[in-house]
C-alpha cells in the first residue's frame, strides 16, 4: 500500500514498467481513498528492489508511506495495471 501524492502522477504506468524490467509478476491499482495498491511476485531480491523503488516512484509522485504485507496467494501472468477500486 503506497500513500501520498501517488495518483494522477503516472505511478501505475511507472510501476508496470519498473516491475516488468525486474521480471516481476503482479498488478497495481488506484484505490478510492487515494492510495495505490500493488502486488509483486517473483525473486525476493527483485521484490525488495521494487519496494525500494516504490519509495520514490515517478518524478511527480510524493510518497509519504509504504505498508508491506506478505501473503502466499499465487500471482501469475505479466505485471499489469488494474482498474481503480
PDB file of N, CA and C in Angstrom:
ATOM      1  N   UNK A   1       0.848  -1.157   0.000  1.00  0.00           N
ATOM      2  CA  UNK A   1       0.000   0.000   0.000  1.00  0.00           C
ATOM      3  C   UNK A   1       0.899   1.227   0.000  1.00  0.00           C
ATOM      4  N   UNK A   2       0.711   2.086  -0.980  1.00  0.00           N
ATOM      5  CA  UNK A   2       1.547   3.266  -1.135  1.00  0.00           C
ATOM      6  C   UNK A   2       0.652   4.479  -0.981  1.00  0.00           C
ATOM      7  N   UNK A   3       1.044   5.391  -0.096  1.00  0.00           N
ATOM      8  CA  UNK A   3       0.231   6.584   0.118  1.00  0.00           C
ATOM      9  C   UNK A   3       1.068   7.835  -0.072  1.00  0.00           C
ATOM     10  N   UNK A   4       0.362   8.930  -0.268  1.00  0.00           N
ATOM     11  CA  UNK A   4       0.976  10.218  -0.545  1.00  0.00           C
ATOM     12  C   UNK A   4       0.363  10.768  -1.821  1.00  0.00           C
ATOM     13  N   UNK A   5       1.126  11.551  -2.555  1.00  0.00           N
ATOM     14  CA  UNK A   5       0.656  12.038  -3.853  1.00  0.00           C
ATOM     15  C   UNK A   5       1.069  10.997  -4.885  1.00  0.00           C
ATOM     16  N   UNK A   6       0.232   9.978  -5.048  1.00  0.00           N
ATOM     17  CA  UNK A   6       0.573   8.831  -5.888  1.00  0.00           C
ATOM     18  C   UNK A   6      -0.472   8.534  -6.965  1.00  0.00           C
ATOM     19  N   UNK A   7      -1.521   9.336  -7.032  1.00  0.00           N
ATOM     20  CA  UNK A   7      -2.498   9.196  -8.109  1.00  0.00           C
ATOM     21  C   UNK A   7      -2.452  10.448  -8.966  1.00  0.00           C
ATOM     22  N   UNK A   8      -2.632  10.253 -10.271  1.00  0.00           N
ATOM     23  CA  UNK A   8      -2.595  11.374 -11.203  1.00  0.00           C
ATOM     24  C   UNK A   8      -1.185  11.831 -11.550  1.00  0.00           C
ATOM     25  N   UNK A   9      -0.193  11.007 -11.219  1.00  0.00           N
ATOM     26  CA  UNK A   9       1.203  11.362 -11.487  1.00  0.00           C
ATOM     27  C   UNK A   9       1.921  10.272 -12.285  1.00  0.00           C
ATOM     28  N   UNK A  10       1.170   9.329 -12.830  1.00  0.00           N
ATOM     29  CA  UNK A  10       1.764   8.265 -13.624  1.00  0.00           C
ATOM     30  C   UNK A  10       2.358   7.130 -12.814  1.00  0.00           C
ATOM     31  N   UNK A  11       1.936   6.995 -11.552  1.00  0.00           N
ATOM     32  CA  UNK A  11       2.514   5.976 -10.682  1.00  0.00           C
ATOM     33  C   UNK A  11       2.253   4.564 -11.202  1.00  0.00           C
ATOM     34  N   UNK A  12       1.025   4.285 -11.630  1.00  0.00           N
ATOM     35  CA  UNK A  12       0.714   2.931 -12.109  1.00  0.00           C
ATOM     36  C   UNK A  12       1.528   2.571 -13.343  1.00  0.00           C
ATOM     37  N   UNK A  13       1.606   3.469 -14.304  1.00  0.00           N
ATOM     38  CA  UNK A  13       2.381   3.198 -15.520  1.00  0.00           C
ATOM     39  C   UNK A  13       3.859   3.016 -15.184  1.00  0.00           C
ATOM     40  N   UNK A  14       4.371   3.845 -14.288  1.00  0.00           N
ATOM     41  CA  UNK A  14       5.762   3.721 -13.850  1.00  0.00           C
ATOM     42  C   UNK A  14       5.986   2.355 -13.201  1.00  0.00           C
ATOM     43  N   UNK A  15       5.049   1.934 -12.341  1.00  0.00           N
ATOM     44  CA  UNK A  15       5.186   0.654 -11.642  1.00  0.00           C
ATOM     45  C   UNK A  15       5.175  -0.514 -12.617  1.00  0.00           C
ATOM     46  N   UNK A  16       4.324  -0.453 -13.630  1.00  0.00           N
ATOM     47  CA  UNK A  16       4.277  -1.530 -14.625  1.00  0.00           C
ATOM     48  C   UNK A  16       5.628  -1.637 -15.334  1.00  0.00           C
ATOM     49  N   UNK A  17       6.164  -0.508 -15.750  1.00  0.00           N
ATOM     50  CA  UNK A  17       7.453  -0.504 -16.452  1.00  0.00           C
ATOM     51  C   UNK A  17       8.569  -1.035 -15.559  1.00  0.00           C
ATOM     52  N   UNK A  18       8.639  -0.543 -14.331  1.00  0.00           N
ATOM     53  CA  UNK A  18       9.700  -0.938 -13.401  1.00  0.00           C
ATOM     54  C   UNK A  18       9.594  -2.426 -13.046  1.00  0.00           C
ATOM     55  N   UNK A  19       8.398  -2.885 -12.698  1.00  0.00           N
ATOM     56  CA  UNK A  19       8.202  -4.282 -12.316  1.00  0.00           C
ATOM     57  C   UNK A  19       8.491  -5.222 -13.478  1.00  0.00           C
ATOM     58  N   UNK A  20       8.087  -4.844 -14.676  1.00  0.00           N
ATOM     59  CA  UNK A  20       8.364  -5.655 -15.854  1.00  0.00           C
ATOM     60  C   UNK A  20       9.867  -5.750 -16.084  1.00  0.00           C
ATOM     61  N   UNK A  21      10.563  -4.638 -15.943  1.00  0.00           N
ATOM     62  CA  UNK A  21      12.024  -4.613 -16.091  1.00  0.00           C
ATOM     63  C   UNK A  21      12.701  -5.556 -15.082  1.00  0.00           C
ATOM     64  N   UNK A  22      12.146  -5.640 -13.883  1.00  0.00           N
ATOM     65  CA  UNK A  22      12.708  -6.500 -12.840  1.00  0.00           C
ATOM     66  C   UNK A  22      12.254  -7.957 -12.957  1.00  0.00           C
ATOM     67  N   UNK A  23      11.391  -8.239 -13.922  1.00  0.00           N
ATOM     68  CA  UNK A  23      10.924  -9.609 -14.129  1.00  0.00           C
ATOM     69  C   UNK A  23       9.869 -10.053 -13.141  1.00  0.00           C
ATOM     70  N   UNK A  24       9.135  -9.106 -12.564  1.00  0.00           N
ATOM     71  CA  UNK A  24       8.128  -9.443 -11.563  1.00  0.00           C
ATOM     72  C   UNK A  24       6.774  -9.699 -12.200  1.00  0.00           C
ATOM     73  N   UNK A  25       5.954 -10.429 -11.496  1.00  0.00           N
ATOM     74  CA  UNK A  25       4.555 -10.625 -11.841  1.00  0.00           C
ATOM     75  C   UNK A  25       3.728  -9.882 -10.806  1.00  0.00           C
ATOM     76  N   UNK A  26       2.455  -9.653 -11.128  1.00  0.00           N
ATOM     77  CA  UNK A  26       1.572  -8.997 -10.168  1.00  0.00           C
ATOM     78  C   UNK A  26       0.744  -7.918 -10.824  1.00  0.00           C
ATOM     79  N   UNK A  27       0.338  -6.935 -10.021  1.00  0.00           N
ATOM     80  CA  UNK A  27      -0.513  -5.873 -10.524  1.00  0.00           C
ATOM     81  C   UNK A  27      -0.429  -4.650  -9.621  1.00  0.00           C
ATOM     82  N   UNK A  28      -0.975  -3.528 -10.137  1.00  0.00           N
ATOM     83  CA  UNK A  28      -1.017  -2.264  -9.404  1.00  0.00           C
ATOM     84  C   UNK A  28      -2.349  -1.590  -9.737  1.00  0.00           C
ATOM     85  N   UNK A  29      -2.952  -0.937  -8.735  1.00  0.00           N
ATOM     86  CA  UNK A  29      -4.222  -0.235  -8.990  1.00  0.00           C
ATOM     87  C   UNK A  29      -4.384   0.924  -8.019  1.00  0.00           C
ATOM     88  N   UNK A  30      -5.175   1.915  -8.439  1.00  0.00           N
ATOM     89  CA  UNK A  30      -5.545   3.026  -7.576  1.00  0.00           C
ATOM     90  C   UNK A  30      -6.705   2.608  -6.687  1.00  0.00           C
ATOM     91  N   UNK A  31      -6.718   3.115  -5.473  1.00  0.00           N
ATOM     92  CA  UNK A  31      -7.844   2.910  -4.570  1.00  0.00           C
ATOM     93  C   UNK A  31      -8.595   4.222  -4.417  1.00  0.00           C
ATOM     94  N   UNK A  32      -9.874   4.152  -4.116  1.00  0.00           N
ATOM     95  CA  UNK A  32     -10.703   5.346  -3.980  1.00  0.00           C
ATOM     96  C   UNK A  32     -10.233   6.282  -2.880  1.00  0.00           C
ATOM     97  N   UNK A  33      -9.492   5.749  -1.900  1.00  0.00           N
ATOM     98  CA  UNK A  33      -9.020   6.591  -0.791  1.00  0.00           C
ATOM     99  C   UNK A  33      -7.740   7.358  -1.129  1.00  0.00           C
ATOM    100  N   UNK A  34      -7.265   7.239  -2.392  1.00  0.00           N
ATOM    101  CA  UNK A  34      -6.081   7.974  -2.820  1.00  0.00           C
ATOM    102  C   UNK A  34      -4.785   7.189  -2.757  1.00  0.00           C
ATOM    103  N   UNK A  35      -4.828   5.996  -2.206  1.00  0.00           N
ATOM    104  CA  UNK A  35      -3.635   5.152  -2.151  1.00  0.00           C
ATOM    105  C   UNK A  35      -3.485   4.355  -3.442  1.00  0.00           C
ATOM    106  N   UNK A  36      -2.304   3.781  -3.624  1.00  0.00           N
ATOM    107  CA  UNK A  36      -2.046   2.828  -4.697  1.00  0.00           C
ATOM    108  C   UNK A  36      -1.756   1.495  -4.029  1.00  0.00           C
ATOM    109  N   UNK A  37      -2.388   0.442  -4.543  1.00  0.00           N
ATOM    110  CA  UNK A  37      -2.158  -0.913  -4.045  1.00  0.00           C
ATOM    111  C   UNK A  37      -1.385  -1.685  -5.110  1.00  0.00           C
ATOM    112  N   UNK A  38      -0.332  -2.367  -4.693  1.00  0.00           N
ATOM    113  CA  UNK A  38       0.474  -3.148  -5.630  1.00  0.00           C
ATOM    114  C   UNK A  38       0.770  -4.509  -5.037  1.00  0.00           C
ATOM    115  N   UNK A  39       0.807  -5.515  -5.911  1.00  0.00           N
ATOM    116  CA  UNK A  39       1.164  -6.873  -5.526  1.00  0.00           C
ATOM    117  C   UNK A  39       2.333  -7.288  -6.409  1.00  0.00           C
ATOM    118  N   UNK A  40       3.411  -7.735  -5.780  1.00  0.00           N
ATOM    119  CA  UNK A  40       4.608  -8.160  -6.502  1.00  0.00           C
ATOM    120  C   UNK A  40       4.898  -9.615  -6.208  1.00  0.00           C
ATOM    121  N   UNK A  41       5.229 -10.375  -7.250  1.00  0.00           N
ATOM    122  CA  UNK A  41       5.623 -11.774  -7.097  1.00  0.00           C
ATOM    123  C   UNK A  41       6.845 -12.013  -7.964  1.00  0.00           C
ATOM    124  N   UNK A  42       7.775 -12.817  -7.441  1.00  0.00           N
ATOM    125  CA  UNK A  42       8.986 -13.137  -8.180  1.00  0.00           C
ATOM    126  C   UNK A  42      10.124 -13.395  -7.211  1.00  0.00           C
ATOM    127  N   UNK A  43      11.346 -13.213  -7.704  1.00  0.00           N
ATOM    128  CA  UNK A  43      12.518 -13.413  -6.870  1.00  0.00           C
ATOM    129  C   UNK A  43      12.536 -12.379  -5.745  1.00  0.00           C
ATOM    130  N   UNK A  44      12.849 -12.830  -4.538  1.00  0.00           N
ATOM    131  CA  UNK A  44      12.821 -11.953  -3.362  1.00  0.00           C
ATOM    132  C   UNK A  44      13.701 -10.714  -3.546  1.00  0.00           C
ATOM    133  N   UNK A  45      14.875 -10.882  -4.115  1.00  0.00           N
ATOM    134  CA  UNK A  45      15.777  -9.735  -4.314  1.00  0.00           C
ATOM    135  C   UNK A  45      15.149  -8.692  -5.237  1.00  0.00           C
ATOM    136  N   UNK A  46      14.432  -9.148  -6.258  1.00  0.00           N
ATOM    137  CA  UNK A  46      13.787  -8.220  -7.195  1.00  0.00           C
ATOM    138  C   UNK A  46      12.591  -7.531  -6.535  1.00  0.00           C
ATOM    139  N   UNK A  47      11.868  -8.267  -5.695  1.00  0.00           N
ATOM    140  CA  UNK A  47      10.749  -7.665  -4.960  1.00  0.00           C
ATOM    141  C   UNK A  47      11.277  -6.570  -4.038  1.00  0.00           C
ATOM    142  N   UNK A  48      12.373  -6.838  -3.357  1.00  0.00           N
ATOM    143  CA  UNK A  48      12.958  -5.842  -2.457  1.00  0.00           C
ATOM    144  C   UNK A  48      13.420  -4.613  -3.223  1.00  0.00           C
ATOM    145  N   UNK A  49      13.982  -4.808  -4.420  1.00  0.00           N
ATOM    146  CA  UNK A  49      14.375  -3.667  -5.250  1.00  0.00           C
ATOM    147  C   UNK A  49      13.156  -2.844  -5.644  1.00  0.00           C
ATOM    148  N   UNK A  50      12.066  -3.532  -5.971  1.00  0.00           N
ATOM    149  CA  UNK A  50      10.844  -2.835  -6.374  1.00  0.00           C
ATOM    150  C   UNK A  50      10.275  -2.037  -5.219  1.00  0.00           C
ATOM    151  N   UNK A  51      10.254  -2.617  -4.034  1.00  0.00           N
ATOM    152  CA  UNK A  51       9.739  -1.897  -2.869  1.00  0.00           C
ATOM    153  C   UNK A  51      10.576  -0.644  -2.610  1.00  0.00           C
ATOM    154  N   UNK A  52      11.886  -0.763  -2.719  1.00  0.00           N
ATOM    155  CA  UNK A  52      12.753   0.409  -2.541  1.00  0.00           C
ATOM    156  C   UNK A  52      12.456   1.464  -3.598  1.00  0.00           C
ATOM    157  N   UNK A  53      12.269   1.045  -4.842  1.00  0.00           N
ATOM    158  CA  UNK A  53      11.953   1.985  -5.918  1.00  0.00           C
ATOM    159  C   UNK A  53      10.603   2.656  -5.678  1.00  0.00           C
ATOM    160  N   UNK A  54       9.646   1.915  -5.122  1.00  0.00           N
ATOM    161  CA  UNK A  54       8.312   2.469  -4.850  1.00  0.00           C
ATOM    162  C   UNK A  54       8.360   3.601  -3.825  1.00  0.00           C
ATOM    163  N   UNK A  55       9.372   3.630  -3.008  1.00  0.00           N
ATOM    164  CA  UNK A  55       9.510   4.712  -2.023  1.00  0.00           C
ATOM    165  C   UNK A  55       9.753   6.054  -2.694  1.00  0.00           C
ATOM    166  N   UNK A  56      10.253   6.035  -3.918  1.00  0.00           N
ATOM    167  CA  UNK A  56      10.476   7.251  -4.702  1.00  0.00           C
ATOM    168  C   UNK A  56       9.370   7.430  -5.745  1.00  0.00           C
ATOM    169  N   UNK A  57       9.108   6.384  -6.522  1.00  0.00           N
ATOM    170  CA  UNK A  57       8.097   6.451  -7.569  1.00  0.00           C
ATOM    171  C   UNK A  57       8.543   7.316  -8.728  1.00  0.00           C
ATOM    172  N   UNK A  58       7.601   7.706  -9.590  1.00  0.00           N
ATOM    173  CA  UNK A  58       7.935   8.554 -10.731  1.00  0.00           C
ATOM    174  C   UNK A  58       8.222   9.992 -10.279  1.00  0.00           C
ATOM    175  N   UNK A  59       8.696  10.792 -11.220  1.00  0.00           N
ATOM    176  CA  UNK A  59       9.154  12.155 -10.907  1.00  0.00           C
ATOM    177  C   UNK A  59       8.162  13.013 -10.133  1.00  0.00           C
ATOM    178  N   UNK A  60       6.894  12.999 -10.479  1.00  0.00           N
ATOM    179  CA  UNK A  60       5.922  13.907  -9.854  1.00  0.00           C
ATOM    180  C   UNK A  60       5.229  13.332  -8.620  1.00  0.00           C
ATOM    181  N   UNK A  61       5.574  12.120  -8.254  1.00  0.00           N
ATOM    182  CA  UNK A  61       4.976  11.498  -7.064  1.00  0.00           C
ATOM    183  C   UNK A  61       5.651  12.021  -5.797  1.00  0.00           C
ATOM    184  N   UNK A  62       4.911  11.965  -4.710  1.00  0.00           N
ATOM    185  CA  UNK A  62       5.459  12.265  -3.386  1.00  0.00           C
ATOM    186  C   UNK A  62       4.973  11.165  -2.448  1.00  0.00           C
ATOM    187  N   UNK A  63       5.788  10.160  -2.268  1.00  0.00           N
ATOM    188  CA  UNK A  63       5.419   9.014  -1.449  1.00  0.00           C
ATOM    189  C   UNK A  63       5.621   9.379   0.018  1.00  0.00           C
ATOM    190  N   UNK A  64       4.568   9.215   0.803  1.00  0.00           N
ATOM    191  CA  UNK A  64       4.636   9.508   2.235  1.00  0.00           C
ATOM    192  C   UNK A  64       4.828   8.255   3.074  1.00  0.00           C
ATOM    193  N   UNK A  65       4.261   7.137   2.618  1.00  0.00           N
ATOM    194  CA  UNK A  65       4.371   5.896   3.392  1.00  0.00           C
ATOM    195  C   UNK A  65       4.135   4.694   2.497  1.00  0.00           C
ATOM    196  N   UNK A  66       4.760   3.599   2.881  1.00  0.00           N
ATOM    197  CA  UNK A  66       4.532   2.311   2.229  1.00  0.00           C
ATOM    198  C   UNK A  66       4.320   1.279   3.325  1.00  0.00           C
ATOM    199  N   UNK A  67       3.239   0.522   3.188  1.00  0.00           N
ATOM    200  CA  UNK A  67       2.985  -0.606   4.083  1.00  0.00           C
ATOM    201  C   UNK A  67       3.199  -1.880   3.277  1.00  0.00           C
ATOM    202  N   UNK A  68       4.003  -2.789   3.801  1.00  0.00           N
ATOM    203  CA  UNK A  68       4.298  -4.040   3.110  1.00  0.00           C
ATOM    204  C   UNK A  68       3.644  -5.186   3.873  1.00  0.00           C
ATOM    205  N   UNK A  69       2.914  -5.996   3.147  1.00  0.00           N
ATOM    206  CA  UNK A  69       2.264  -7.173   3.690  1.00  0.00           C
ATOM    207  C   UNK A  69       2.747  -8.375   2.900  1.00  0.00           C
ATOM    208  N   UNK A  70       2.946  -9.485   3.554  1.00  0.00           N
ATOM    209  CA  UNK A  70       3.346 -10.715   2.882  1.00  0.00           C
ATOM    210  C   UNK A  70       2.159 -11.667   2.871  1.00  0.00           C
ATOM    211  N   UNK A  71       1.899 -12.241   1.700  1.00  0.00           N
ATOM    212  CA  UNK A  71       0.849 -13.254   1.631  1.00  0.00           C
ATOM    213  C   UNK A  71       1.294 -14.343   0.673  1.00  0.00           C
ATOM    214  N   UNK A  72       0.621 -15.446   0.722  1.00  0.00           N
ATOM    215  CA  UNK A  72       1.042 -16.612  -0.038  1.00  0.00           C
ATOM    216  C   UNK A  72       0.146 -16.917  -1.238  1.00  0.00           C
ATOM    217  N   UNK A  73      -0.761 -16.002  -1.583  1.00  0.00           N
ATOM    218  CA  UNK A  73      -1.611 -16.223  -2.748  1.00  0.00           C
ATOM    219  C   UNK A  73      -0.762 -16.233  -4.015  1.00  0.00           C
ATOM    220  N   UNK A  74      -1.046 -17.145  -4.904  1.00  0.00           N
ATOM    221  CA  UNK A  74      -0.306 -17.247  -6.161  1.00  0.00           C
ATOM    222  C   UNK A  74      -0.660 -16.077  -7.077  1.00  0.00           C
ATOM    223  N   UNK A  75       0.351 -15.536  -7.731  1.00  0.00           N
ATOM    224  CA  UNK A  75       0.171 -14.476  -8.713  1.00  0.00           C
ATOM    225  C   UNK A  75       0.824 -14.952  -9.997  1.00  0.00           C
ATOM    226  N   UNK A  76       0.062 -14.939 -11.079  1.00  0.00           N
ATOM    227  CA  UNK A  76       0.598 -15.413 -12.349  1.00  0.00           C
ATOM    228  C   UNK A  76       0.328 -14.383 -13.433  1.00  0.00           C
ATOM    229  N   UNK A  77       1.087 -14.476 -14.498  1.00  0.00           N
ATOM    230  CA  UNK A  77       0.895 -13.610 -15.647  1.00  0.00           C
ATOM    231  C   UNK A  77       1.769 -12.369 -15.572  1.00  0.00           C
ATOM    232  N   UNK A  78       1.806 -11.607 -16.654  1.00  0.00           N
ATOM    233  CA  UNK A  78       2.658 -10.413 -16.681  1.00  0.00           C
ATOM    234  C   UNK A  78       2.147  -9.332 -15.738  1.00  0.00           C
ATOM    235  N   UNK A  79       3.041  -8.459 -15.312  1.00  0.00           N
ATOM    236  CA  UNK A  79       2.669  -7.363 -14.424  1.00  0.00           C
ATOM    237  C   UNK A  79       1.749  -6.414 -15.188  1.00  0.00           C
ATOM    238  N   UNK A  80       0.689  -5.928 -14.538  1.00  0.00           N
ATOM    239  CA  UNK A  80      -0.290  -5.096 -15.232  1.00  0.00           C
ATOM    240  C   UNK A  80      -0.939  -4.087 -14.303  1.00  0.00           C
ATOM    241  N   UNK A  81      -1.443  -3.014 -14.908  1.00  0.00           N
ATOM    242  CA  UNK A  81      -2.266  -2.044 -14.175  1.00  0.00           C
ATOM    243  C   UNK A  81      -3.696  -2.540 -14.169  1.00  0.00           C
ATOM    244  N   UNK A  82      -4.401  -2.324 -13.077  1.00  0.00           N
ATOM    245  CA  UNK A  82      -5.803  -2.706 -12.953  1.00  0.00           C
ATOM    246  C   UNK A  82      -6.654  -1.468 -12.759  1.00  0.00           C
ATOM    247  N   UNK A  83      -7.934  -1.644 -12.885  1.00  0.00           N
ATOM    248  CA  UNK A  83      -8.881  -0.550 -12.713  1.00  0.00           C
ATOM    249  C   UNK A  83      -8.908  -0.085 -11.255  1.00  0.00           C
ATOM    250  N   UNK A  84      -9.280   1.150 -11.061  1.00  0.00           N
ATOM    251  CA  UNK A  84      -9.455   1.717  -9.725  1.00  0.00           C
ATOM    252  C   UNK A  84     -10.593   1.006  -9.010  1.00  0.00           C
ATOM    253  N   UNK A  85     -10.375   0.723  -7.718  1.00  0.00           N
ATOM    254  CA  UNK A  85     -11.445   0.138  -6.890  1.00  0.00           C
ATOM    255  C   UNK A  85     -11.656   0.970  -5.654  1.00  0.00           C
TER     256      UNK A  85
END
